[in-house]
Amino acid sequence: MKKAVLIAGIMLSFCLILLGGLWSAQGLGLIVIEPIACVGECAPLQGPSTTWTAVGALTLAAGAFGAAILWRRLRSDGANHAAH
């Protein structure tokens, strides 16, 4: 795989990690942020939410898994090119 594609995938994975962490923290009630861009009637999340905690945790886990896989692939591609 090309190095640029792997690096872009790792960057996307880190964005998922950050977003998942934010959603989890909001779901746990640790962070309260007013809605920024709404269409219709929007209200801030009131109190803990199991749904947002779970969605955040899954998003964070997917980002971490993606970053780990892509990082290993990037490292192995670099080692293969150095050996040739």
PDB file of N, CA and C in Angstrom:
ATOM      1  N   MET A   1       0.839  -1.168   0.000  1.00  0.00           N
ATOM      2  CA  MET A   1       0.000   0.000   0.000  1.00  0.00           C
ATOM      3  C   MET A   1       0.890   1.239   0.000  1.00  0.00           C
ATOM      4  N   LYS A   2       0.439   2.265  -0.646  1.00  0.00           N
ATOM      5  CA  LYS A   2       1.243   3.477  -0.703  1.00  0.00           C
ATOM      6  C   LYS A   2       1.286   4.149   0.665  1.00  0.00           C
ATOM      7  N   LYS A   3       2.445   4.732   0.940  1.00  0.00           N
ATOM      8  CA  LYS A   3       2.674   5.362   2.236  1.00  0.00           C
ATOM      9  C   LYS A   3       1.668   6.480   2.515  1.00  0.00           C
ATOM     10  N   ALA A   4       1.353   7.296   1.518  1.00  0.00           N
ATOM     11  CA  ALA A   4       0.424   8.417   1.712  1.00  0.00           C
ATOM     12  C   ALA A   4      -0.970   7.924   2.102  1.00  0.00           C
ATOM     13  N   VAL A   5      -1.408   6.822   1.503  1.00  0.00           N
ATOM     14  CA  VAL A   5      -2.726   6.268   1.821  1.00  0.00           C
ATOM     15  C   VAL A   5      -2.737   5.752   3.257  1.00  0.00           C
ATOM     16  N   LEU A   6      -1.667   5.097   3.676  1.00  0.00           N
ATOM     17  CA  LEU A   6      -1.584   4.599   5.049  1.00  0.00           C
ATOM     18  C   LEU A   6      -1.593   5.751   6.050  1.00  0.00           C
ATOM     19  N   ILE A   7      -0.836   6.791   5.763  1.00  0.00           N
ATOM     20  CA  ILE A   7      -0.789   7.948   6.667  1.00  0.00           C
ATOM     21  C   ILE A   7      -2.151   8.629   6.738  1.00  0.00           C
ATOM     22  N   ALA A   8      -2.835   8.765   5.612  1.00  0.00           N
ATOM     23  CA  ALA A   8      -4.183   9.351   5.605  1.00  0.00           C
ATOM     24  C   ALA A   8      -5.143   8.496   6.430  1.00  0.00           C
ATOM     25  N   GLY A   9      -5.035   7.189   6.310  1.00  0.00           N
ATOM     26  CA  GLY A   9      -5.881   6.287   7.097  1.00  0.00           C
ATOM     27  C   GLY A   9      -5.602   6.404   8.585  1.00  0.00           C
ATOM     28  N   ILE A  10      -4.333   6.551   8.947  1.00  0.00           N
ATOM     29  CA  ILE A  10      -3.967   6.727  10.360  1.00  0.00           C
ATOM     30  C   ILE A  10      -4.531   8.048  10.886  1.00  0.00           C
ATOM     31  N   MET A  11      -4.460   9.100  10.087  1.00  0.00           N
ATOM     32  CA  MET A  11      -5.009  10.395  10.503  1.00  0.00           C
ATOM     33  C   MET A  11      -6.527  10.296  10.697  1.00  0.00           C
ATOM     34  N   LEU A  12      -7.204   9.612   9.783  1.00  0.00           N
ATOM     35  CA  LEU A  12      -8.648   9.409   9.916  1.00  0.00           C
ATOM     36  C   LEU A  12      -8.962   8.597  11.172  1.00  0.00           C
ATOM     37  N   SER A  13      -8.152   7.594  11.448  1.00  0.00           N
ATOM     38  CA  SER A  13      -8.343   6.775  12.649  1.00  0.00           C
ATOM     39  C   SER A  13      -8.195   7.612  13.914  1.00  0.00           C
ATOM     40  N   PHE A  14      -7.222   8.520  13.935  1.00  0.00           N
ATOM     41  CA  PHE A  14      -7.059   9.383  15.105  1.00  0.00           C
ATOM     42  C   PHE A  14      -8.233  10.336  15.263  1.00  0.00           C
ATOM     43  N   CYS A  15      -8.815  10.789  14.154  1.00  0.00           N
ATOM     44  CA  CYS A  15     -10.028  11.613  14.227  1.00  0.00           C
ATOM     45  C   CYS A  15     -11.171  10.815  14.845  1.00  0.00           C
ATOM     46  N   LEU A  16     -11.288   9.543  14.473  1.00  0.00           N
ATOM     47  CA  LEU A  16     -12.319   8.682  15.064  1.00  0.00           C
ATOM     48  C   LEU A  16     -12.081   8.479  16.558  1.00  0.00           C
ATOM     49  N   ILE A  17     -10.827   8.344  16.946  1.00  0.00           N
ATOM     50  CA  ILE A  17     -10.495   8.195  18.365  1.00  0.00           C
ATOM     51  C   ILE A  17     -10.933   9.444  19.137  1.00  0.00           C
ATOM     52  N   LEU A  18     -10.604  10.625  18.612  1.00  0.00           N
ATOM     53  CA  LEU A  18     -10.976  11.873  19.279  1.00  0.00           C
ATOM     54  C   LEU A  18     -12.495  12.049  19.333  1.00  0.00           C
ATOM     55  N   LEU A  19     -13.166  11.781  18.229  1.00  0.00           N
ATOM     56  CA  LEU A  19     -14.619  11.917  18.173  1.00  0.00           C
ATOM     57  C   LEU A  19     -15.293  10.921  19.121  1.00  0.00           C
ATOM     58  N   GLY A  20     -14.813   9.696  19.120  1.00  0.00           N
ATOM     59  CA  GLY A  20     -15.355   8.685  20.030  1.00  0.00           C
ATOM     60  C   GLY A  20     -15.146   9.060  21.485  1.00  0.00           C
ATOM     61  N   GLY A  21     -13.988   9.624  21.789  1.00  0.00           N
ATOM     62  CA  GLY A  21     -13.728  10.078  23.156  1.00  0.00           C
ATOM     63  C   GLY A  21     -14.667  11.201  23.565  1.00  0.00           C
ATOM     64  N   LEU A  22     -14.902  12.139  22.640  1.00  0.00           N
ATOM     65  CA  LEU A  22     -15.827  13.236  22.915  1.00  0.00           C
ATOM     66  C   LEU A  22     -17.235  12.705  23.146  1.00  0.00           C
ATOM     67  N   TRP A  23     -17.713  11.825  22.264  1.00  0.00           N
ATOM     68  CA  TRP A  23     -19.064  11.268  22.406  1.00  0.00           C
ATOM     69  C   TRP A  23     -19.203  10.480  23.706  1.00  0.00           C
ATOM     70  N   SER A  24     -18.174   9.723  24.062  1.00  0.00           N
ATOM     71  CA  SER A  24     -18.228   8.964  25.318  1.00  0.00           C
ATOM     72  C   SER A  24     -18.296   9.896  26.516  1.00  0.00           C
ATOM     73  N   ALA A  25     -17.462  10.932  26.495  1.00  0.00           N
ATOM     74  CA  ALA A  25     -17.455  11.892  27.604  1.00  0.00           C
ATOM     75  C   ALA A  25     -18.793  12.613  27.708  1.00  0.00           C
ATOM     76  N   GLN A  26     -19.389  12.959  26.571  1.00  0.00           N
ATOM     77  CA  GLN A  26     -20.711  13.582  26.594  1.00  0.00           C
ATOM     78  C   GLN A  26     -21.758  12.594  27.103  1.00  0.00           C
ATOM     79  N   GLY A  27     -21.669  11.356  26.668  1.00  0.00           N
ATOM     80  CA  GLY A  27     -22.619  10.338  27.110  1.00  0.00           C
ATOM     81  C   GLY A  27     -22.525  10.065  28.598  1.00  0.00           C
ATOM     82  N   LEU A  28     -21.318  10.190  29.151  1.00  0.00           N
ATOM     83  CA  LEU A  28     -21.131   9.992  30.586  1.00  0.00           C
ATOM     84  C   LEU A  28     -21.505  11.236  31.395  1.00  0.00           C
ATOM     85  N   GLY A  29     -21.774  12.334  30.701  1.00  0.00           N
ATOM     86  CA  GLY A  29     -22.134  13.574  31.373  1.00  0.00           C
ATOM     87  C   GLY A  29     -20.933  14.372  31.845  1.00  0.00           C
ATOM     88  N   LEU A  30     -19.727  14.027  31.374  1.00  0.00           N
ATOM     89  CA  LEU A  30     -18.518  14.741  31.780  1.00  0.00           C
ATOM     90  C   LEU A  30     -18.344  16.053  31.019  1.00  0.00           C
ATOM     91  N   ILE A  31     -18.884  16.127  29.812  1.00  0.00           N
ATOM     92  CA  ILE A  31     -18.781  17.315  28.965  1.00  0.00           C
ATOM     93  C   ILE A  31     -20.183  17.688  28.507  1.00  0.00           C
ATOM     94  N   VAL A  32     -20.516  18.961  28.625  1.00  0.00           N
ATOM     95  CA  VAL A  32     -21.794  19.465  28.124  1.00  0.00           C
ATOM     96  C   VAL A  32     -21.487  20.584  27.144  1.00  0.00           C
ATOM     97  N   ILE A  33     -21.864  20.403  25.896  1.00  0.00           N
ATOM     98  CA  ILE A  33     -21.613  21.385  24.843  1.00  0.00           C
ATOM     99  C   ILE A  33     -22.956  21.736  24.205  1.00  0.00           C
ATOM    100  N   GLU A  34     -23.190  23.022  24.031  1.00  0.00           N
ATOM    101  CA  GLU A  34     -24.400  23.462  23.337  1.00  0.00           C
ATOM    102  C   GLU A  34     -24.304  23.035  21.878  1.00  0.00           C
ATOM    103  N   PRO A  35     -25.415  22.693  21.245  1.00  0.00           N
ATOM    104  CA  PRO A  35     -25.396  22.345  19.820  1.00  0.00           C
ATOM    105  C   PRO A  35     -24.835  23.505  18.988  1.00  0.00           C
ATOM    106  N   ILE A  36     -24.027  23.171  17.984  1.00  0.00           N
ATOM    107  CA  ILE A  36     -23.375  24.195  17.164  1.00  0.00           C
ATOM    108  C   ILE A  36     -24.157  24.457  15.886  1.00  0.00           C
ATOM    109  N   ALA A  37     -24.405  23.445  15.119  1.00  0.00           N
ATOM    110  CA  ALA A  37     -25.110  23.602  13.839  1.00  0.00           C
ATOM    111  C   ALA A  37     -26.332  22.694  13.855  1.00  0.00           C
ATOM    112  N   CYS A  38     -27.498  23.295  14.000  1.00  0.00           N
ATOM    113  CA  CYS A  38     -28.724  22.509  14.102  1.00  0.00           C
ATOM    114  C   CYS A  38     -29.688  22.844  12.982  1.00  0.00           C
ATOM    115  N   VAL A  39     -30.447  21.845  12.602  1.00  0.00           N
ATOM    116  CA  VAL A  39     -31.552  22.032  11.675  1.00  0.00           C
ATOM    117  C   VAL A  39     -32.790  21.602  12.450  1.00  0.00           C
ATOM    118  N   GLY A  40     -33.654  22.527  12.731  1.00  0.00           N
ATOM    119  CA  GLY A  40     -34.834  22.206  13.532  1.00  0.00           C
ATOM    120  C   GLY A  40     -34.602  22.570  14.979  1.00  0.00           C
ATOM    121  N   GLU A  41     -35.315  21.898  15.853  1.00  0.00           N
ATOM    122  CA  GLU A  41     -35.197  22.165  17.280  1.00  0.00           C
ATOM    123  C   GLU A  41     -34.110  21.294  17.885  1.00  0.00           C
ATOM    124  N   CYS A  42     -33.068  21.921  18.374  1.00  0.00           N
ATOM    125  CA  CYS A  42     -31.955  21.192  18.973  1.00  0.00           C
ATOM    126  C   CYS A  42     -31.839  21.547  20.442  1.00  0.00           C
ATOM    127  N   ALA A  43     -31.472  20.579  21.226  1.00  0.00           N
ATOM    128  CA  ALA A  43     -31.268  20.791  22.656  1.00  0.00           C
ATOM    129  C   ALA A  43     -30.002  20.048  23.061  1.00  0.00           C
ATOM    130  N   PRO A  44     -29.276  20.596  24.028  1.00  0.00           N
ATOM    131  CA  PRO A  44     -28.083  19.885  24.486  1.00  0.00           C
ATOM    132  C   PRO A  44     -28.458  18.575  25.173  1.00  0.00           C
ATOM    133  N   LEU A  45     -27.548  17.643  25.155  1.00  0.00           N
ATOM    134  CA  LEU A  45     -27.743  16.369  25.828  1.00  0.00           C
ATOM    135  C   LEU A  45     -27.901  16.638  27.319  1.00  0.00           C
ATOM    136  N   GLN A  46     -28.964  16.157  27.911  1.00  0.00           N
ATOM    137  CA  GLN A  46     -29.230  16.382  29.329  1.00  0.00           C
ATOM    138  C   GLN A  46     -28.863  15.127  30.118  1.00  0.00           C
ATOM    139  N   GLY A  47     -27.818  15.221  30.889  1.00  0.00           N
ATOM    140  CA  GLY A  47     -27.432  14.106  31.744  1.00  0.00           C
ATOM    141  C   GLY A  47     -26.790  12.965  30.978  1.00  0.00           C
ATOM    142  N   PRO A  48     -26.410  11.922  31.685  1.00  0.00           N
ATOM    143  CA  PRO A  48     -25.775  10.766  31.059  1.00  0.00           C
ATOM    144  C   PRO A  48     -26.684  10.071  30.047  1.00  0.00           C
ATOM    145  N   SER A  49     -26.070   9.518  29.008  1.00  0.00           N
ATOM    146  CA  SER A  49     -26.799   8.801  27.966  1.00  0.00           C
ATOM    147  C   SER A  49     -26.048   7.516  27.628  1.00  0.00           C
ATOM    148  N   THR A  50     -26.683   6.409  27.887  1.00  0.00           N
ATOM    149  CA  THR A  50     -26.074   5.104  27.597  1.00  0.00           C
ATOM    150  C   THR A  50     -25.799   4.960  26.096  1.00  0.00           C
ATOM    151  N   THR A  51     -26.716   5.466  25.279  1.00  0.00           N
ATOM    152  CA  THR A  51     -26.559   5.350  23.827  1.00  0.00           C
ATOM    153  C   THR A  51     -25.298   6.063  23.355  1.00  0.00           C
ATOM    154  N   TRP A  52     -25.125   7.330  23.767  1.00  0.00           N
ATOM    155  CA  TRP A  52     -23.951   8.077  23.314  1.00  0.00           C
ATOM    156  C   TRP A  52     -22.658   7.536  23.915  1.00  0.00           C
ATOM    157  N   THR A  53     -22.745   7.020  25.129  1.00  0.00           N
ATOM    158  CA  THR A  53     -21.554   6.397  25.724  1.00  0.00           C
ATOM    159  C   THR A  53     -21.138   5.177  24.909  1.00  0.00           C
ATOM    160  N   ALA A  54     -22.105   4.344  24.540  1.00  0.00           N
ATOM    161  CA  ALA A  54     -21.804   3.136  23.757  1.00  0.00           C
ATOM    162  C   ALA A  54     -21.321   3.484  22.354  1.00  0.00           C
ATOM    163  N   VAL A  55     -22.000   4.427  21.691  1.00  0.00           N
ATOM    164  CA  VAL A  55     -21.585   4.834  20.345  1.00  0.00           C
ATOM    165  C   VAL A  55     -20.170   5.411  20.386  1.00  0.00           C
ATOM    166  N   GLY A  56     -19.897   6.225  21.386  1.00  0.00           N
ATOM    167  CA  GLY A  56     -18.566   6.803  21.526  1.00  0.00           C
ATOM    168  C   GLY A  56     -17.501   5.746  21.757  1.00  0.00           C
ATOM    169  N   ALA A  57     -17.807   4.794  22.623  1.00  0.00           N
ATOM    170  CA  ALA A  57     -16.840   3.727  22.909  1.00  0.00           C
ATOM    171  C   ALA A  57     -16.569   2.878  21.668  1.00  0.00           C
ATOM    172  N   LEU A  58     -17.615   2.569  20.911  1.00  0.00           N
ATOM    173  CA  LEU A  58     -17.426   1.787  19.679  1.00  0.00           C
ATOM    174  C   LEU A  58     -16.628   2.573  18.636  1.00  0.00           C
ATOM    175  N   THR A  59     -16.908   3.865  18.512  1.00  0.00           N
ATOM    176  CA  THR A  59     -16.176   4.694  17.562  1.00  0.00           C
ATOM    177  C   THR A  59     -14.711   4.801  17.962  1.00  0.00           C
ATOM    178  N   LEU A  60     -14.474   5.006  19.248  1.00  0.00           N
ATOM    179  CA  LEU A  60     -13.103   5.081  19.749  1.00  0.00           C
ATOM    180  C   LEU A  60     -12.362   3.762  19.491  1.00  0.00           C
ATOM    181  N   ALA A  61     -13.021   2.645  19.774  1.00  0.00           N
ATOM    182  CA  ALA A  61     -12.405   1.327  19.568  1.00  0.00           C
ATOM    183  C   ALA A  61     -12.114   1.076  18.092  1.00  0.00           C
ATOM    184  N   ALA A  62     -13.042   1.461  17.215  1.00  0.00           N
ATOM    185  CA  ALA A  62     -12.815   1.284  15.773  1.00  0.00           C
ATOM    186  C   ALA A  62     -11.632   2.118  15.307  1.00  0.00           C
ATOM    187  N   GLY A  63     -11.536   3.354  15.803  1.00  0.00           N
ATOM    188  CA  GLY A  63     -10.410   4.208  15.450  1.00  0.00           C
ATOM    189  C   GLY A  63      -9.093   3.640  15.942  1.00  0.00           C
ATOM    190  N   ALA A  64      -9.079   3.143  17.170  1.00  0.00           N
ATOM    191  CA  ALA A  64      -7.858   2.560  17.730  1.00  0.00           C
ATOM    192  C   ALA A  64      -7.437   1.305  16.963  1.00  0.00           C
ATOM    193  N   PHE A  65      -8.425   0.469  16.621  1.00  0.00           N
ATOM    194  CA  PHE A  65      -8.137  -0.743  15.859  1.00  0.00           C
ATOM    195  C   PHE A  65      -7.579  -0.382  14.482  1.00  0.00           C
ATOM    196  N   GLY A  66      -8.229   0.567  13.808  1.00  0.00           N
ATOM    197  CA  GLY A  66      -7.759   0.999  12.488  1.00  0.00           C
ATOM    198  C   GLY A  66      -6.359   1.584  12.543  1.00  0.00           C
ATOM    199  N   ALA A  67      -6.111   2.424  13.545  1.00  0.00           N
ATOM    200  CA  ALA A  67      -4.784   3.040  13.674  1.00  0.00           C
ATOM    201  C   ALA A  67      -3.710   1.974  13.921  1.00  0.00           C
ATOM    202  N   ALA A  68      -4.027   0.999  14.770  1.00  0.00           N
ATOM    203  CA  ALA A  68      -3.055  -0.059  15.069  1.00  0.00           C
ATOM    204  C   ALA A  68      -2.734  -0.893  13.831  1.00  0.00           C
ATOM    205  N   ILE A  69      -3.759  -1.282  13.091  1.00  0.00           N
ATOM    206  CA  ILE A  69      -3.550  -2.095  11.893  1.00  0.00           C
ATOM    207  C   ILE A  69      -2.749  -1.314  10.849  1.00  0.00           C
ATOM    208  N   LEU A  70      -3.166  -0.077  10.602  1.00  0.00           N
ATOM    209  CA  LEU A  70      -2.481   0.737   9.587  1.00  0.00           C
ATOM    210  C   LEU A  70      -1.060   1.074  10.008  1.00  0.00           C
ATOM    211  N   TRP A  71      -0.838   1.319  11.295  1.00  0.00           N
ATOM    212  CA  TRP A  71       0.516   1.614  11.786  1.00  0.00           C
ATOM    213  C   TRP A  71       1.425   0.407  11.583  1.00  0.00           C
ATOM    214  N   ARG A  72       0.923  -0.791  11.883  1.00  0.00           N
ATOM    215  CA  ARG A  72       1.724  -2.009  11.668  1.00  0.00           C
ATOM    216  C   ARG A  72       2.053  -2.183  10.188  1.00  0.00           C
ATOM    217  N   ARG A  73       1.054  -1.918   9.326  1.00  0.00           N
ATOM    218  CA  ARG A  73       1.271  -2.055   7.894  1.00  0.00           C
ATOM    219  C   ARG A  73       2.286  -1.027   7.402  1.00  0.00           C
ATOM    220  N   LEU A  74       2.201   0.193   7.925  1.00  0.00           N
ATOM    221  CA  LEU A  74       3.153   1.243   7.548  1.00  0.00           C
ATOM    222  C   LEU A  74       4.562   0.857   7.974  1.00  0.00           C
ATOM    223  N   ARG A  75       4.682   0.337   9.193  1.00  0.00           N
ATOM    224  CA  ARG A  75       6.004  -0.074   9.698  1.00  0.00           C
ATOM    225  C   ARG A  75       6.560  -1.250   8.902  1.00  0.00           C
ATOM    226  N   SER A  76       5.704  -2.225   8.565  1.00  0.00           N
ATOM    227  CA  SER A  76       6.186  -3.390   7.829  1.00  0.00           C
ATOM    228  C   SER A  76       6.546  -3.021   6.391  1.00  0.00           C
ATOM    229  N   ASP A  77       5.789  -2.099   5.772  1.00  0.00           N
ATOM    230  CA  ASP A  77       6.135  -1.638   4.423  1.00  0.00           C
ATOM    231  C   ASP A  77       7.473  -0.910   4.438  1.00  0.00           C
ATOM    232  N   GLY A  78       7.723  -0.138   5.481  1.00  0.00           N
ATOM    233  CA  GLY A  78       8.999   0.566   5.599  1.00  0.00           C
ATOM    234  C   GLY A  78      10.152  -0.392   5.791  1.00  0.00           C
ATOM    235  N   ALA A  79       9.930  -1.455   6.556  1.00  0.00           N
ATOM    236  CA  ALA A  79      10.981  -2.462   6.780  1.00  0.00           C
ATOM    237  C   ALA A  79      11.240  -3.249   5.508  1.00  0.00           C
ATOM    238  N   ASN A  80      10.174  -3.533   4.727  1.00  0.00           N
ATOM    239  CA  ASN A  80      10.347  -4.268   3.477  1.00  0.00           C
ATOM    240  C   ASN A  80      11.132  -3.449   2.460  1.00  0.00           C
ATOM    241  N   HIS A  81      10.853  -2.145   2.392  1.00  0.00           N
ATOM    242  CA  HIS A  81      11.567  -1.289   1.434  1.00  0.00           C
ATOM    243  C   HIS A  81      13.035  -1.126   1.842  1.00  0.00           C
ATOM    244  N   ALA A  82      13.319  -1.102   3.140  1.00  0.00           N
ATOM    245  CA  ALA A  82      14.686  -0.962   3.609  1.00  0.00           C
ATOM    246  C   ALA A  82      15.485  -2.226   3.296  1.00  0.00           C
ATOM    247  N   ALA A  83      14.826  -3.378   3.303  1.00  0.00           N
ATOM    248  CA  ALA A  83      15.516  -4.646   3.062  1.00  0.00           C
ATOM    249  C   ALA A  83      15.891  -4.831   1.594  1.00  0.00           C
ATOM    250  N   HIS A  84      15.160  -4.161   0.688  1.00  0.00           N
ATOM    251  CA  HIS A  84      15.424  -4.343  -0.727  1.00  0.00           C
ATOM    252  C   HIS A  84      16.499  -3.444  -1.177  1.00  0.00           C
TER     253      HIS A  84
END
